N, C-alpha and C. Protein backbone atom coordinates (compact mmCIF):
# COMPACT_ATOMS: atom_id res chain seq x y z
N LEU A 1 -31.72 10.51 -6.46
CA LEU A 1 -30.56 11.29 -5.96
C LEU A 1 -29.97 10.67 -4.77
N ARG A 2 -30.70 10.25 -3.86
CA ARG A 2 -30.32 9.64 -2.59
C ARG A 2 -29.46 8.27 -2.96
N ARG A 3 -29.79 7.61 -3.96
CA ARG A 3 -29.15 6.31 -4.22
C ARG A 3 -27.82 6.73 -4.79
N MET A 4 -27.66 7.86 -5.48
CA MET A 4 -26.35 8.40 -6.07
C MET A 4 -25.47 8.64 -4.92
N ILE A 5 -26.13 9.39 -3.90
CA ILE A 5 -25.25 9.88 -2.81
C ILE A 5 -24.82 8.61 -2.05
N PHE A 6 -25.72 7.63 -1.83
CA PHE A 6 -25.29 6.54 -1.02
C PHE A 6 -24.15 5.64 -1.75
N LYS A 7 -24.35 5.61 -3.18
CA LYS A 7 -23.36 4.86 -3.89
C LYS A 7 -22.05 5.56 -3.81
N SER A 8 -21.91 6.93 -3.95
CA SER A 8 -20.60 7.50 -3.85
C SER A 8 -20.01 7.40 -2.47
N GLN A 9 -20.96 7.40 -1.40
CA GLN A 9 -20.40 7.28 -0.12
C GLN A 9 -19.81 5.86 0.17
N GLU A 10 -20.43 4.82 -0.51
CA GLU A 10 -19.90 3.54 -0.41
C GLU A 10 -18.52 3.46 -1.04
N GLU A 11 -18.40 4.14 -2.34
CA GLU A 11 -17.11 4.21 -3.03
C GLU A 11 -15.98 4.86 -2.10
N ASN A 12 -16.38 5.99 -1.47
CA ASN A 12 -15.34 6.68 -0.65
C ASN A 12 -15.02 5.76 0.41
N GLU A 13 -15.96 5.02 1.12
CA GLU A 13 -15.54 4.15 2.18
C GLU A 13 -14.65 3.07 1.66
N THR A 14 -14.78 2.51 0.41
CA THR A 14 -13.88 1.57 -0.14
C THR A 14 -12.57 2.20 -0.33
N LYS A 15 -12.52 3.38 -0.92
CA LYS A 15 -11.16 4.08 -1.11
C LYS A 15 -10.47 4.21 0.24
N ILE A 16 -11.16 4.72 1.19
CA ILE A 16 -10.60 4.88 2.59
C ILE A 16 -10.04 3.52 3.19
N ALA A 17 -10.87 2.30 3.02
CA ALA A 17 -10.28 1.12 3.49
C ALA A 17 -9.14 0.68 2.69
N ASP A 18 -9.09 1.02 1.37
CA ASP A 18 -7.91 0.55 0.63
C ASP A 18 -6.70 1.33 1.12
N ARG A 19 -6.95 2.63 1.39
CA ARG A 19 -5.78 3.56 1.86
C ARG A 19 -5.30 3.08 3.26
N ILE A 20 -6.22 2.56 4.04
CA ILE A 20 -5.76 2.11 5.51
C ILE A 20 -4.87 0.76 5.25
N ARG A 21 -5.53 -0.04 4.28
CA ARG A 21 -4.75 -1.33 4.11
C ARG A 21 -3.29 -1.13 3.54
N GLU A 22 -3.31 -0.10 2.56
CA GLU A 22 -1.85 0.12 2.10
C GLU A 22 -0.99 0.78 3.23
N PHE A 23 -1.59 1.63 4.15
CA PHE A 23 -0.86 2.13 5.26
C PHE A 23 -0.36 1.11 6.18
N ILE A 24 -1.24 0.10 6.43
CA ILE A 24 -0.84 -0.95 7.37
C ILE A 24 0.34 -1.81 6.72
N VAL A 25 0.07 -2.09 5.37
CA VAL A 25 1.15 -2.93 4.77
C VAL A 25 2.44 -2.10 4.67
N GLU A 26 2.48 -0.80 4.44
CA GLU A 26 3.66 -0.01 4.50
C GLU A 26 4.27 -0.07 5.88
N GLU A 27 3.42 0.14 6.94
CA GLU A 27 4.08 0.25 8.24
C GLU A 27 4.67 -1.11 8.65
N ALA A 28 3.93 -2.23 8.24
CA ALA A 28 4.56 -3.59 8.50
C ALA A 28 5.77 -3.84 7.78
N ARG A 29 5.93 -3.34 6.64
CA ARG A 29 7.29 -3.42 5.88
C ARG A 29 8.30 -2.68 6.67
N LYS A 30 7.97 -1.49 7.16
CA LYS A 30 9.01 -0.72 7.86
C LYS A 30 9.44 -1.50 9.15
N GLU A 31 8.48 -1.99 9.80
CA GLU A 31 8.76 -2.91 11.03
C GLU A 31 9.70 -3.90 10.66
N LYS A 32 9.39 -4.68 9.55
CA LYS A 32 10.33 -5.88 9.10
C LYS A 32 11.55 -5.35 8.94
N ILE A 33 11.82 -4.30 8.24
CA ILE A 33 13.15 -3.74 7.95
C ILE A 33 13.92 -3.45 9.26
N LYS A 34 13.08 -2.73 10.16
CA LYS A 34 13.66 -2.36 11.44
C LYS A 34 14.14 -3.60 12.21
N HIS A 35 13.39 -4.72 12.17
CA HIS A 35 13.67 -5.85 12.94
C HIS A 35 14.79 -6.81 12.37
N ALA A 36 14.82 -6.69 10.99
CA ALA A 36 15.83 -7.57 10.24
C ALA A 36 17.18 -7.26 10.59
């Protein structure tokens, strides 16, 4: 059971990291448009 919990926690952290990366990319795109 503990291994399952740990595995799902790892997956959640991966999803969060992906979301943060998408957010950063989106913000960078907005900045580029602003400066263009």
